Amino acid sequence: MNILLLTSEFAPVNGGIGAYAREIASAVTELGADMTLLVPDYGRDNAKDDAALAFKTLRFRGGRIRCVNAPARTVR
């Protein structure tokens, strides 16, 4: 099963939404799903930290945003 989850917050920014997204991604990966998290890049190179995760991350340009605006901001 392939799962894509969009979140407006993720590491290196610490917060409840990011922690919840990480827990969901970790749990479904342990269950055998192919998990990809779509997260903001905060204007940084996060490749080293993302490589250590058990699931894939795709970063979009931006910082903390409201999820209602996130899909429009991810289209390049």
N, C-alpha and C. Protein backbone atom coordinates (compact mmCIF):
# COMPACT_ATOMS: atom_id res chain seq x y z
N MET A 1 0.84 -1.17 0.00
CA MET A 1 0.00 0.00 0.00
C MET A 1 0.88 1.23 0.00
N ASN A 2 0.56 2.20 -0.83
CA ASN A 2 1.28 3.47 -0.89
C ASN A 2 0.47 4.54 -0.18
N ILE A 3 1.13 5.28 0.69
CA ILE A 3 0.46 6.35 1.43
C ILE A 3 1.28 7.63 1.29
N LEU A 4 0.59 8.73 0.98
CA LEU A 4 1.20 10.06 0.93
C LEU A 4 0.48 10.91 1.96
N LEU A 5 1.25 11.53 2.86
CA LEU A 5 0.68 12.38 3.90
C LEU A 5 1.29 13.77 3.77
N LEU A 6 0.46 14.77 3.68
CA LEU A 6 0.88 16.17 3.60
C LEU A 6 0.76 16.78 4.99
N THR A 7 1.82 17.42 5.44
CA THR A 7 1.78 18.11 6.73
C THR A 7 2.40 19.49 6.60
N SER A 8 1.89 20.43 7.38
CA SER A 8 2.39 21.80 7.34
C SER A 8 3.56 22.02 8.28
N GLU A 9 3.94 21.01 9.03
CA GLU A 9 5.02 21.15 10.01
C GLU A 9 5.76 19.83 10.14
N PHE A 10 7.08 19.91 10.22
CA PHE A 10 7.90 18.72 10.41
C PHE A 10 9.29 19.17 10.82
N ALA A 11 10.10 18.23 11.29
CA ALA A 11 11.47 18.54 11.71
C ALA A 11 12.19 19.31 10.60
N PRO A 12 12.99 20.26 10.92
CA PRO A 12 13.59 20.58 12.21
C PRO A 12 12.74 21.45 13.11
N VAL A 13 11.55 21.86 12.68
CA VAL A 13 10.66 22.62 13.55
C VAL A 13 9.91 21.64 14.44
N ASN A 14 9.93 21.88 15.73
CA ASN A 14 9.28 20.97 16.67
C ASN A 14 7.89 21.48 17.01
N GLY A 15 6.94 20.60 16.94
CA GLY A 15 5.57 20.95 17.28
C GLY A 15 4.68 19.73 17.24
N GLY A 16 3.47 19.89 17.69
CA GLY A 16 2.54 18.78 17.79
C GLY A 16 2.17 18.16 16.46
N ILE A 17 1.94 18.99 15.44
CA ILE A 17 1.55 18.47 14.13
C ILE A 17 2.68 17.63 13.55
N GLY A 18 3.90 18.13 13.63
CA GLY A 18 5.06 17.40 13.12
C GLY A 18 5.29 16.09 13.85
N ALA A 19 5.13 16.11 15.17
CA ALA A 19 5.30 14.89 15.96
C ALA A 19 4.24 13.86 15.61
N TYR A 20 3.01 14.31 15.42
CA TYR A 20 1.92 13.42 15.06
C TYR A 20 2.15 12.81 13.68
N ALA A 21 2.58 13.63 12.71
CA ALA A 21 2.86 13.14 11.36
C ALA A 21 3.98 12.10 11.39
N ARG A 22 5.01 12.36 12.17
CA ARG A 22 6.14 11.43 12.27
C ARG A 22 5.69 10.09 12.87
N GLU A 23 4.85 10.14 13.91
CA GLU A 23 4.35 8.91 14.54
C GLU A 23 3.49 8.11 13.58
N ILE A 24 2.62 8.77 12.84
CA ILE A 24 1.79 8.07 11.85
C ILE A 24 2.68 7.42 10.80
N ALA A 25 3.63 8.18 10.27
CA ALA A 25 4.53 7.66 9.23
C ALA A 25 5.34 6.47 9.73
N SER A 26 5.84 6.56 10.94
CA SER A 26 6.61 5.45 11.51
C SER A 26 5.74 4.21 11.70
N ALA A 27 4.52 4.40 12.20
CA ALA A 27 3.64 3.27 12.47
C ALA A 27 3.23 2.55 11.19
N VAL A 28 2.84 3.30 10.16
CA VAL A 28 2.40 2.63 8.94
C VAL A 28 3.57 1.99 8.20
N THR A 29 4.77 2.55 8.36
CA THR A 29 5.96 1.94 7.77
C THR A 29 6.23 0.59 8.44
N GLU A 30 6.10 0.55 9.77
CA GLU A 30 6.29 -0.71 10.50
C GLU A 30 5.26 -1.76 10.09
N LEU A 31 4.09 -1.31 9.65
CA LEU A 31 3.05 -2.23 9.20
C LEU A 31 3.25 -2.68 7.75
N GLY A 32 4.27 -2.14 7.10
CA GLY A 32 4.60 -2.58 5.75
C GLY A 32 4.16 -1.67 4.62
N ALA A 33 3.58 -0.53 4.92
CA ALA A 33 3.16 0.40 3.87
C ALA A 33 4.35 1.19 3.34
N ASP A 34 4.25 1.62 2.10
CA ASP A 34 5.25 2.49 1.49
C ASP A 34 4.81 3.92 1.78
N MET A 35 5.44 4.55 2.77
CA MET A 35 5.02 5.85 3.30
C MET A 35 5.89 6.97 2.77
N THR A 36 5.25 8.04 2.30
CA THR A 36 5.95 9.26 1.90
C THR A 36 5.29 10.42 2.62
N LEU A 37 6.09 11.24 3.25
CA LEU A 37 5.62 12.43 3.95
C LEU A 37 6.01 13.65 3.12
N LEU A 38 5.04 14.50 2.80
CA LEU A 38 5.26 15.73 2.06
C LEU A 38 5.31 16.87 3.07
N VAL A 39 6.49 17.47 3.22
CA VAL A 39 6.74 18.41 4.32
C VAL A 39 7.50 19.65 3.84
N PRO A 40 7.40 20.77 4.58
CA PRO A 40 8.13 21.98 4.20
C PRO A 40 9.64 21.84 4.43
N ASP A 41 10.42 22.60 3.64
CA ASP A 41 11.89 22.53 3.80
C ASP A 41 12.45 23.63 4.70
N TYR A 42 11.67 24.65 5.03
CA TYR A 42 12.09 25.75 5.89
C TYR A 42 13.33 26.47 5.36
N GLY A 43 13.54 26.38 4.04
CA GLY A 43 14.68 27.05 3.43
C GLY A 43 16.02 26.42 3.78
N ARG A 44 16.03 25.17 4.17
CA ARG A 44 17.25 24.48 4.58
C ARG A 44 17.44 23.19 3.80
N ASP A 45 18.66 22.68 3.83
CA ASP A 45 18.94 21.36 3.28
C ASP A 45 18.74 20.35 4.41
N ASN A 46 17.68 19.56 4.33
CA ASN A 46 17.33 18.60 5.37
C ASN A 46 17.66 17.17 4.97
N ALA A 47 18.43 16.99 3.90
CA ALA A 47 18.68 15.66 3.33
C ALA A 47 19.31 14.69 4.34
N LYS A 48 20.25 15.15 5.12
CA LYS A 48 20.94 14.27 6.07
C LYS A 48 19.96 13.75 7.13
N ASP A 49 19.16 14.63 7.68
CA ASP A 49 18.18 14.22 8.70
C ASP A 49 17.11 13.33 8.10
N ASP A 50 16.65 13.66 6.89
CA ASP A 50 15.59 12.87 6.24
C ASP A 50 16.08 11.46 5.90
N ALA A 51 17.35 11.32 5.56
CA ALA A 51 17.89 10.01 5.19
C ALA A 51 17.88 9.03 6.37
N ALA A 52 17.88 9.55 7.58
CA ALA A 52 17.89 8.70 8.77
C ALA A 52 16.50 8.17 9.14
N LEU A 53 15.46 8.66 8.47
CA LEU A 53 14.09 8.24 8.77
C LEU A 53 13.77 6.91 8.10
N ALA A 54 12.84 6.18 8.65
CA ALA A 54 12.43 4.88 8.10
C ALA A 54 11.47 5.02 6.93
N PHE A 55 11.00 6.22 6.66
CA PHE A 55 10.07 6.50 5.58
C PHE A 55 10.63 7.62 4.71
N LYS A 56 10.05 7.80 3.54
CA LYS A 56 10.52 8.83 2.61
C LYS A 56 9.90 10.18 2.94
N THR A 57 10.67 11.22 2.68
CA THR A 57 10.14 12.58 2.78
C THR A 57 10.37 13.29 1.45
N LEU A 58 9.40 14.08 1.08
CA LEU A 58 9.54 14.99 -0.05
C LEU A 58 9.34 16.39 0.52
N ARG A 59 10.29 17.25 0.27
CA ARG A 59 10.23 18.60 0.83
C ARG A 59 9.72 19.58 -0.23
N PHE A 60 8.86 20.47 0.18
CA PHE A 60 8.44 21.57 -0.69
C PHE A 60 8.97 22.87 -0.12
N ARG A 61 9.17 23.83 -1.00
CA ARG A 61 9.73 25.12 -0.61
C ARG A 61 8.75 25.85 0.30
N GLY A 62 9.22 26.23 1.46
CA GLY A 62 8.39 27.00 2.37
C GLY A 62 8.66 26.68 3.82
N GLY A 63 7.87 27.33 4.65
CA GLY A 63 7.98 27.15 6.09
C GLY A 63 6.65 26.73 6.65
N ARG A 64 6.43 27.08 7.89
CA ARG A 64 5.19 26.73 8.54
C ARG A 64 4.03 27.41 7.84
N ILE A 65 3.06 26.63 7.42
CA ILE A 65 1.90 27.17 6.71
C ILE A 65 0.64 26.48 7.20
N ARG A 66 -0.47 27.05 6.87
CA ARG A 66 -1.74 26.39 7.17
C ARG A 66 -1.98 25.33 6.12
N CYS A 67 -2.47 24.17 6.52
CA CYS A 67 -2.69 23.07 5.58
C CYS A 67 -3.67 23.42 4.48
N VAL A 68 -4.59 24.31 4.75
CA VAL A 68 -5.57 24.68 3.73
C VAL A 68 -4.88 25.29 2.50
N ASN A 69 -3.73 25.94 2.70
CA ASN A 69 -2.98 26.55 1.60
C ASN A 69 -1.87 25.65 1.06
N ALA A 70 -1.57 24.57 1.72
CA ALA A 70 -0.41 23.74 1.39
C ALA A 70 -0.46 23.16 -0.03
N PRO A 71 -1.57 22.58 -0.50
CA PRO A 71 -1.54 21.99 -1.85
C PRO A 71 -1.18 23.01 -2.94
N ALA A 72 -1.70 24.21 -2.85
CA ALA A 72 -1.40 25.23 -3.85
C ALA A 72 0.07 25.64 -3.81
N ARG A 73 0.69 25.60 -2.65
CA ARG A 73 2.09 26.00 -2.52
C ARG A 73 3.06 24.93 -2.96
N THR A 74 2.61 23.68 -3.07
CA THR A 74 3.53 22.61 -3.45
C THR A 74 3.68 22.46 -4.95
N VAL A 75 2.81 23.07 -5.73
CA VAL A 75 2.89 22.98 -7.18
C VAL A 75 3.93 23.97 -7.67
N ARG A 76 4.86 23.47 -8.48
CA ARG A 76 5.93 24.37 -8.96
C ARG A 76 5.78 24.60 -10.44
